[in-house]
Amino acid sequence: MRLQTVLPCLALCMLAACTNPASTPPAGLAPGESPSGAAPHSARQARGIPWRLEDLDQTGIIDRSRITLLLGNDGRASGMAGCNRYTAAYTLDDATLAIDPRIASTRMACAAEAMMYQEQRYFELLPLMDRAVVDATGALILTGKGGVSMKFYPDEDAGQAP
């Protein structure tokens, strides 16, 4: 009798643990909008901070892959795209972002084909980003033509050996 009560409760708890309300914006909010109604922070504060990609055009990223972005004070965007390091010129004025499509990168092959595809997709989308905001959660949200988007969080592992 007791088991019949405990099992449904356990199932509900497991189901509730699978949801993450913090990662899903409330209905009607665009990426980068704050649920409190407060304006997003200026993207200028994103400069000089190492960012780690968490979402690539609303598809997530491959587990344990590492894609980073640093918007340098010198007008260079740089980072790791999963398998290769990269750099490109950029401008950022308030929330208006422009990344030069001539991205220079190393030419190492990825160990897995899926990683190579993800890296290529990142390089395709990065120059399309034309808006940058830091939302109320501290995430850097890049959006671009055609509704494409990227979401980054500060990289806690920056400066540590891979």
Protein backbone atom coordinates (compact mmCIF):
# COMPACT_ATOMS: atom_id res chain seq x y z
CA MET A 1 0.00 0.00 0.00
CA ARG A 2 2.74 2.41 0.92
CA LEU A 3 4.65 1.55 -2.28
CA GLN A 4 1.62 2.56 -4.36
CA THR A 5 1.80 6.04 -2.81
CA VAL A 6 5.56 6.44 -2.99
CA LEU A 7 6.04 5.43 -6.64
CA PRO A 8 3.75 8.11 -8.15
CA CYS A 9 5.35 10.76 -5.92
CA LEU A 10 8.81 9.63 -6.97
CA ALA A 11 7.80 9.76 -10.65
CA LEU A 12 6.47 13.32 -10.25
CA CYS A 13 9.67 14.42 -8.51
CA MET A 14 11.79 12.94 -11.30
CA LEU A 15 9.65 14.64 -13.94
CA ALA A 16 9.90 17.99 -12.15
CA ALA A 17 13.69 17.64 -11.98
CA CYS A 18 13.83 17.33 -15.78
CA THR A 19 12.44 20.82 -16.31
CA ASN A 20 14.56 23.94 -16.04
CA PRO A 21 12.32 27.00 -15.85
CA ALA A 22 15.34 29.32 -15.71
CA SER A 23 16.46 28.28 -19.19
CA THR A 24 13.08 28.83 -20.84
CA PRO A 25 12.03 32.45 -21.22
CA PRO A 26 8.42 33.23 -20.32
CA ALA A 27 5.99 33.30 -23.24
CA GLY A 28 6.14 36.50 -25.25
CA LEU A 29 9.74 37.41 -24.38
CA ALA A 30 12.34 37.68 -27.07
CA PRO A 31 15.91 36.48 -26.44
CA GLY A 32 17.65 39.02 -24.24
CA GLU A 33 14.47 40.52 -22.77
CA SER A 34 14.18 40.58 -19.02
CA PRO A 35 11.07 39.05 -17.40
CA SER A 36 11.11 41.86 -14.83
CA GLY A 37 10.65 44.41 -17.59
CA ALA A 38 14.08 45.91 -16.88
CA ALA A 39 16.10 46.85 -19.91
CA PRO A 40 18.97 44.54 -20.81
CA HIS A 41 22.43 45.72 -19.83
CA SER A 42 24.63 47.43 -22.37
CA ALA A 43 26.61 44.98 -24.46
CA ARG A 44 29.63 47.25 -24.01
CA GLN A 45 30.22 45.55 -20.67
CA ALA A 46 30.71 42.29 -22.60
CA ARG A 47 34.11 43.45 -23.84
CA GLY A 48 37.15 41.88 -22.24
CA ILE A 49 35.15 39.01 -20.69
CA PRO A 50 35.69 35.45 -21.91
CA TRP A 51 32.29 33.98 -22.88
CA ARG A 52 31.37 30.32 -23.36
CA LEU A 53 28.65 29.30 -25.82
CA GLU A 54 25.68 27.46 -24.32
CA ASP A 55 23.22 27.66 -27.20
CA LEU A 56 23.79 27.81 -30.95
CA ASP A 57 20.67 29.01 -32.75
CA GLN A 58 18.30 27.41 -30.23
CA THR A 59 19.75 23.91 -30.75
CA GLY A 60 22.12 23.70 -27.78
CA ILE A 61 25.66 22.48 -28.32
CA ILE A 62 27.42 19.12 -28.18
CA ASP A 63 28.18 18.03 -24.61
CA ARG A 64 31.71 18.82 -23.49
CA SER A 65 32.40 20.90 -26.59
CA ARG A 66 34.05 24.23 -25.97
CA ILE A 67 33.19 27.28 -28.03
CA THR A 68 34.33 30.60 -26.64
CA LEU A 69 34.20 34.26 -27.59
CA LEU A 70 36.26 37.18 -26.36
CA LEU A 71 35.30 40.64 -27.60
CA GLY A 72 38.64 42.36 -27.16
CA ASN A 73 39.04 46.06 -26.47
CA ASP A 74 41.20 46.18 -29.62
CA GLY A 75 38.29 45.47 -32.00
CA ARG A 76 39.19 41.76 -32.40
CA ALA A 77 36.79 38.93 -31.58
CA SER A 78 38.61 35.69 -30.80
CA GLY A 79 38.21 32.34 -29.15
CA MET A 80 37.96 28.61 -29.59
CA ALA A 81 35.35 27.22 -32.01
CA GLY A 82 35.44 23.64 -30.75
CA CYS A 83 38.45 22.35 -32.66
CA ASN A 84 40.17 25.51 -33.89
CA ARG A 85 41.11 28.93 -32.59
CA TYR A 86 39.76 31.92 -34.51
CA THR A 87 39.88 35.69 -34.76
CA ALA A 88 37.90 38.33 -36.65
CA ALA A 89 37.47 42.08 -36.57
CA TYR A 90 34.31 43.40 -34.93
CA THR A 91 32.58 46.63 -33.92
CA LEU A 92 30.14 47.09 -31.07
CA ASP A 93 28.20 50.29 -30.57
CA ASP A 94 25.59 50.04 -27.81
CA ALA A 95 23.71 46.91 -28.92
CA THR A 96 24.71 47.06 -32.59
CA LEU A 97 27.27 44.40 -33.44
CA ALA A 98 29.16 43.78 -36.68
CA ILE A 99 31.54 40.84 -37.06
CA ASP A 100 33.74 40.70 -40.15
CA PRO A 101 32.91 37.56 -42.17
CA ARG A 102 36.62 37.10 -42.95
CA ILE A 103 37.27 34.87 -39.94
CA ALA A 104 40.84 33.60 -39.63
CA SER A 105 41.20 30.22 -37.95
CA THR A 106 43.63 27.39 -37.46
CA ARG A 107 43.01 24.37 -39.71
CA MET A 108 42.99 21.38 -37.37
CA ALA A 109 40.59 18.56 -38.13
CA CYS A 110 37.96 17.76 -35.52
CA ALA A 111 38.04 14.27 -34.03
CA ALA A 112 34.30 13.81 -34.60
CA GLU A 113 32.30 14.79 -37.66
CA ALA A 114 29.54 16.26 -35.48
CA MET A 115 32.07 18.60 -33.86
CA MET A 116 33.29 19.69 -37.28
CA TYR A 117 29.71 20.43 -38.38
CA GLN A 118 29.05 22.41 -35.18
CA GLU A 119 32.21 24.46 -35.69
CA GLN A 120 31.28 25.18 -39.33
CA ARG A 121 27.80 26.24 -38.23
CA TYR A 122 29.29 28.58 -35.62
CA PHE A 123 31.57 30.16 -38.25
CA GLU A 124 28.58 30.54 -40.62
CA LEU A 125 26.36 32.20 -38.02
CA LEU A 126 28.88 34.43 -36.24
CA PRO A 127 29.08 37.09 -38.99
CA LEU A 128 25.26 37.17 -39.18
CA MET A 129 24.99 38.41 -35.59
CA ASP A 130 24.05 42.11 -35.58
CA ARG A 131 22.73 42.71 -32.08
CA ALA A 132 24.29 42.02 -28.68
CA VAL A 133 22.76 42.41 -25.22
CA VAL A 134 23.62 41.16 -21.76
CA ASP A 135 20.34 40.04 -20.24
CA ALA A 136 19.24 40.16 -16.60
CA THR A 137 20.70 36.67 -15.98
CA GLY A 138 24.16 37.81 -17.12
CA ALA A 139 23.98 35.93 -20.43
CA LEU A 140 25.37 37.51 -23.59
CA ILE A 141 22.69 37.13 -26.26
CA LEU A 142 23.68 37.63 -29.89
CA THR A 143 20.91 37.80 -32.47
CA GLY A 144 21.03 38.27 -36.20
CA LYS A 145 19.44 38.25 -39.57
CA GLY A 146 16.78 35.62 -40.07
CA GLY A 147 16.20 35.18 -36.34
CA VAL A 148 19.45 33.31 -35.66
CA SER A 149 20.83 33.55 -32.15
CA MET A 150 23.61 32.53 -29.80
CA LYS A 151 23.67 32.52 -26.02
CA PHE A 152 26.90 32.78 -24.05
CA TYR A 153 27.66 32.82 -20.33
CA PRO A 154 30.87 34.03 -18.67
CA ASP A 155 33.50 31.30 -19.06
CA GLU A 156 34.36 30.11 -15.56
CA ASP A 157 37.18 27.95 -16.97
CA ALA A 158 38.93 30.73 -18.90
CA GLY A 159 42.67 30.70 -18.44
CA GLN A 160 42.79 27.07 -17.34
CA ALA A 161 44.47 24.42 -19.45
CA PRO A 162 41.97 22.31 -21.47
